[in-house]
N, C-alpha and C. Protein backbone atom coordinates (compact mmCIF):
# COMPACT_ATOMS: atom_id res chain seq x y z
N MET A 1 -30.16 -11.01 -31.61
CA MET A 1 -30.24 -10.76 -30.18
C MET A 1 -29.94 -12.03 -29.39
N LYS A 2 -30.50 -13.18 -29.82
CA LYS A 2 -30.25 -14.44 -29.12
C LYS A 2 -28.78 -14.84 -29.23
N VAL A 3 -28.19 -14.58 -30.40
CA VAL A 3 -26.78 -14.93 -30.59
C VAL A 3 -25.89 -14.11 -29.66
N THR A 4 -26.20 -12.85 -29.46
CA THR A 4 -25.43 -11.99 -28.57
C THR A 4 -25.54 -12.47 -27.13
N LYS A 5 -26.73 -12.83 -26.70
CA LYS A 5 -26.92 -13.34 -25.34
C LYS A 5 -26.16 -14.65 -25.14
N LEU A 6 -26.26 -15.52 -26.12
CA LEU A 6 -25.57 -16.80 -26.03
C LEU A 6 -24.05 -16.61 -25.97
N ALA A 7 -23.53 -15.71 -26.78
CA ALA A 7 -22.09 -15.42 -26.78
C ALA A 7 -21.66 -14.85 -25.43
N LEU A 8 -22.46 -13.95 -24.87
CA LEU A 8 -22.14 -13.36 -23.57
C LEU A 8 -22.16 -14.40 -22.46
N ILE A 9 -23.15 -15.26 -22.48
CA ILE A 9 -23.24 -16.32 -21.46
C ILE A 9 -22.06 -17.27 -21.59
N SER A 10 -21.69 -17.62 -22.81
CA SER A 10 -20.54 -18.51 -23.02
C SER A 10 -19.25 -17.87 -22.52
N LEU A 11 -19.06 -16.60 -22.80
CA LEU A 11 -17.87 -15.89 -22.35
C LEU A 11 -17.81 -15.84 -20.83
N MET A 12 -18.93 -15.58 -20.19
CA MET A 12 -18.97 -15.53 -18.73
C MET A 12 -18.66 -16.90 -18.13
N ALA A 13 -19.15 -17.97 -18.75
CA ALA A 13 -18.88 -19.32 -18.26
C ALA A 13 -17.39 -19.63 -18.32
N VAL A 14 -16.73 -19.23 -19.39
CA VAL A 14 -15.29 -19.47 -19.52
C VAL A 14 -14.52 -18.69 -18.47
N VAL A 15 -14.87 -17.43 -18.26
CA VAL A 15 -14.17 -16.59 -17.29
C VAL A 15 -14.34 -17.14 -15.89
N PHE A 16 -15.56 -17.50 -15.50
CA PHE A 16 -15.78 -17.98 -14.15
C PHE A 16 -15.22 -19.37 -13.92
N SER A 17 -15.25 -20.24 -14.92
CA SER A 17 -14.71 -21.58 -14.74
C SER A 17 -13.19 -21.53 -14.59
N ALA A 18 -12.52 -20.59 -15.22
CA ALA A 18 -11.07 -20.46 -15.08
C ALA A 18 -10.70 -20.11 -13.65
N ASN A 19 -11.54 -19.35 -12.96
CA ASN A 19 -11.27 -18.98 -11.58
C ASN A 19 -11.51 -20.13 -10.61
N LEU A 20 -12.23 -21.16 -11.03
CA LEU A 20 -12.53 -22.28 -10.15
C LEU A 20 -11.54 -23.43 -10.29
N MET A 21 -10.58 -23.29 -11.17
CA MET A 21 -9.61 -24.36 -11.38
C MET A 21 -8.69 -24.50 -10.18
N ALA A 22 -8.32 -25.73 -9.90
CA ALA A 22 -7.43 -26.01 -8.77
C ALA A 22 -6.00 -25.61 -9.11
N ALA A 23 -5.18 -25.61 -8.08
CA ALA A 23 -3.76 -25.33 -8.27
C ALA A 23 -3.17 -26.37 -9.23
N THR A 24 -2.11 -25.99 -9.91
CA THR A 24 -1.48 -26.83 -10.93
C THR A 24 -0.25 -27.52 -10.36
N SER A 25 -0.12 -28.79 -10.67
CA SER A 25 1.05 -29.55 -10.25
C SER A 25 2.26 -29.14 -11.09
N VAL A 26 3.43 -29.00 -10.46
CA VAL A 26 4.67 -28.69 -11.17
C VAL A 26 5.73 -29.69 -10.79
N SER A 27 6.66 -29.94 -11.70
CA SER A 27 7.76 -30.85 -11.39
C SER A 27 9.00 -30.09 -10.95
N SER A 28 9.07 -28.80 -11.28
CA SER A 28 10.18 -27.97 -10.87
C SER A 28 9.63 -26.66 -10.33
N ALA A 29 10.19 -26.20 -9.24
CA ALA A 29 9.70 -24.99 -8.60
C ALA A 29 10.59 -23.78 -8.87
N ASP A 30 11.42 -23.85 -9.89
CA ASP A 30 12.32 -22.75 -10.22
C ASP A 30 11.53 -21.47 -10.48
N GLY A 31 11.88 -20.42 -9.76
CA GLY A 31 11.26 -19.12 -9.95
C GLY A 31 9.93 -18.93 -9.24
N LEU A 32 9.47 -19.93 -8.50
CA LEU A 32 8.20 -19.80 -7.77
C LEU A 32 8.47 -19.46 -6.32
N SER A 33 7.52 -18.77 -5.70
CA SER A 33 7.66 -18.39 -4.30
C SER A 33 6.92 -19.37 -3.41
N LYS A 34 7.67 -20.05 -2.53
CA LYS A 34 7.09 -21.01 -1.60
C LYS A 34 6.23 -20.27 -0.58
N ILE A 35 5.01 -20.78 -0.35
CA ILE A 35 4.13 -20.16 0.65
C ILE A 35 3.74 -21.12 1.77
N GLY A 36 4.21 -22.37 1.69
CA GLY A 36 3.89 -23.31 2.76
C GLY A 36 3.82 -24.73 2.25
N SER A 37 3.05 -25.56 2.97
CA SER A 37 2.88 -26.96 2.57
C SER A 37 1.50 -27.43 3.00
N VAL A 38 1.05 -28.50 2.38
CA VAL A 38 -0.22 -29.14 2.73
C VAL A 38 0.01 -30.63 2.82
N SER A 39 -0.85 -31.31 3.56
CA SER A 39 -0.74 -32.76 3.67
C SER A 39 -2.12 -33.38 3.60
N ALA A 40 -2.14 -34.65 3.25
CA ALA A 40 -3.39 -35.41 3.19
C ALA A 40 -3.09 -36.83 3.61
N SER A 41 -4.09 -37.50 4.17
CA SER A 41 -3.89 -38.88 4.60
C SER A 41 -5.19 -39.66 4.46
N ASP A 42 -5.08 -40.96 4.66
CA ASP A 42 -6.21 -41.89 4.60
C ASP A 42 -6.82 -42.02 3.22
N MET A 43 -6.03 -41.83 2.16
CA MET A 43 -6.52 -42.02 0.79
C MET A 43 -6.23 -43.45 0.37
N THR A 44 -7.06 -43.99 -0.52
CA THR A 44 -6.88 -45.38 -0.94
C THR A 44 -6.18 -45.52 -2.29
N THR A 45 -6.13 -44.43 -3.09
CA THR A 45 -5.43 -44.48 -4.38
C THR A 45 -4.55 -43.25 -4.52
N LEU A 46 -3.56 -43.34 -5.40
CA LEU A 46 -2.70 -42.19 -5.66
C LEU A 46 -3.49 -41.04 -6.28
N GLU A 47 -4.48 -41.37 -7.10
CA GLU A 47 -5.32 -40.34 -7.72
C GLU A 47 -6.08 -39.55 -6.65
N GLN A 48 -6.63 -40.25 -5.66
CA GLN A 48 -7.32 -39.57 -4.57
C GLN A 48 -6.37 -38.70 -3.77
N LEU A 49 -5.17 -39.20 -3.53
CA LEU A 49 -4.19 -38.44 -2.78
C LEU A 49 -3.80 -37.17 -3.52
N GLU A 50 -3.53 -37.28 -4.82
CA GLU A 50 -3.17 -36.10 -5.59
C GLU A 50 -4.32 -35.10 -5.65
N TYR A 51 -5.55 -35.59 -5.82
CA TYR A 51 -6.72 -34.71 -5.85
C TYR A 51 -6.86 -33.95 -4.54
N GLU A 52 -6.69 -34.64 -3.43
CA GLU A 52 -6.84 -34.00 -2.11
C GLU A 52 -5.74 -32.98 -1.87
N LEU A 53 -4.51 -33.28 -2.27
CA LEU A 53 -3.42 -32.31 -2.13
C LEU A 53 -3.67 -31.08 -3.00
N ALA A 54 -4.15 -31.29 -4.22
CA ALA A 54 -4.46 -30.16 -5.11
C ALA A 54 -5.58 -29.31 -4.54
N LYS A 55 -6.59 -29.95 -3.97
CA LYS A 55 -7.71 -29.22 -3.37
C LYS A 55 -7.25 -28.39 -2.18
N LYS A 56 -6.41 -28.97 -1.35
CA LYS A 56 -5.91 -28.23 -0.19
C LYS A 56 -4.99 -27.10 -0.60
N ALA A 57 -4.18 -27.31 -1.64
CA ALA A 57 -3.32 -26.25 -2.15
C ALA A 57 -4.17 -25.09 -2.66
N ASP A 58 -5.23 -25.42 -3.38
CA ASP A 58 -6.14 -24.40 -3.90
C ASP A 58 -6.81 -23.63 -2.76
N GLN A 59 -7.25 -24.34 -1.74
CA GLN A 59 -7.89 -23.70 -0.59
C GLN A 59 -6.93 -22.79 0.16
N ALA A 60 -5.64 -23.11 0.11
CA ALA A 60 -4.63 -22.29 0.79
C ALA A 60 -4.21 -21.09 -0.06
N GLY A 61 -4.77 -20.97 -1.25
CA GLY A 61 -4.46 -19.83 -2.10
C GLY A 61 -3.27 -20.02 -3.01
N ALA A 62 -2.81 -21.26 -3.14
CA ALA A 62 -1.65 -21.55 -3.99
C ALA A 62 -2.06 -21.62 -5.45
N ARG A 63 -1.15 -21.23 -6.33
CA ARG A 63 -1.36 -21.40 -7.77
C ARG A 63 -0.71 -22.69 -8.25
N TYR A 64 0.32 -23.15 -7.53
CA TYR A 64 1.05 -24.34 -7.92
C TYR A 64 1.36 -25.19 -6.68
N TYR A 65 1.58 -26.48 -6.91
CA TYR A 65 2.01 -27.37 -5.83
C TYR A 65 2.96 -28.42 -6.39
N GLN A 66 3.81 -28.94 -5.52
CA GLN A 66 4.74 -29.99 -5.89
C GLN A 66 4.70 -31.06 -4.81
N ILE A 67 4.29 -32.27 -5.19
CA ILE A 67 4.23 -33.37 -4.23
C ILE A 67 5.66 -33.80 -3.92
N ILE A 68 6.00 -33.77 -2.63
CA ILE A 68 7.37 -34.12 -2.25
C ILE A 68 7.45 -35.48 -1.55
N SER A 69 6.30 -36.00 -1.08
CA SER A 69 6.32 -37.35 -0.52
C SER A 69 4.94 -37.97 -0.62
N ALA A 70 4.93 -39.28 -0.80
CA ALA A 70 3.70 -40.06 -0.83
C ALA A 70 4.06 -41.47 -0.44
N GLY A 71 3.25 -42.07 0.41
CA GLY A 71 3.55 -43.43 0.83
C GLY A 71 2.42 -44.02 1.64
N GLY A 72 2.65 -45.24 2.06
CA GLY A 72 1.67 -45.94 2.87
C GLY A 72 1.38 -47.31 2.29
N ASP A 73 0.64 -48.10 3.04
CA ASP A 73 0.27 -49.43 2.58
C ASP A 73 -1.19 -49.42 2.12
N ASN A 74 -2.10 -49.66 3.03
CA ASN A 74 -3.53 -49.66 2.68
C ASN A 74 -4.10 -48.25 2.63
N LYS A 75 -3.57 -47.37 3.43
CA LYS A 75 -3.98 -45.96 3.45
C LYS A 75 -2.78 -45.10 3.11
N LEU A 76 -2.94 -44.25 2.10
CA LEU A 76 -1.83 -43.41 1.63
C LEU A 76 -1.83 -42.05 2.30
N HIS A 77 -0.64 -41.49 2.43
CA HIS A 77 -0.48 -40.14 2.95
C HIS A 77 0.56 -39.42 2.09
N GLY A 78 0.47 -38.10 2.06
CA GLY A 78 1.41 -37.36 1.25
C GLY A 78 1.53 -35.92 1.67
N VAL A 79 2.58 -35.27 1.19
CA VAL A 79 2.86 -33.86 1.49
C VAL A 79 3.20 -33.15 0.18
N ALA A 80 2.72 -31.92 0.06
CA ALA A 80 3.05 -31.12 -1.11
C ALA A 80 3.47 -29.73 -0.64
N VAL A 81 4.49 -29.19 -1.29
CA VAL A 81 4.91 -27.80 -1.06
C VAL A 81 4.04 -26.96 -1.98
N ILE A 82 3.55 -25.81 -1.48
CA ILE A 82 2.69 -24.96 -2.28
C ILE A 82 3.40 -23.65 -2.61
N TYR A 83 3.09 -23.14 -3.81
CA TYR A 83 3.77 -21.96 -4.33
C TYR A 83 2.77 -20.94 -4.87
N GLN A 84 3.22 -19.71 -4.88
CA GLN A 84 2.43 -18.61 -5.46
C GLN A 84 2.92 -18.29 -6.83
């Protein structure tokens, strides 16, 4: 009985965690449907910038995103196209 409950809880955790994953970065958008763009600014590292763009893409309902620009000196800014 305990093994069955544990297996069920583990399965539910996998299913729900998959739904919480952010949009995926792609290098090529062949075959994807563009749904818009997102931008982020005032980040101090490229990792922060990419994380923020991925988070915004996910919030916009995108499954994929492609960063098309990133730049700045002390504060970074960037733009990503989002796809379904």
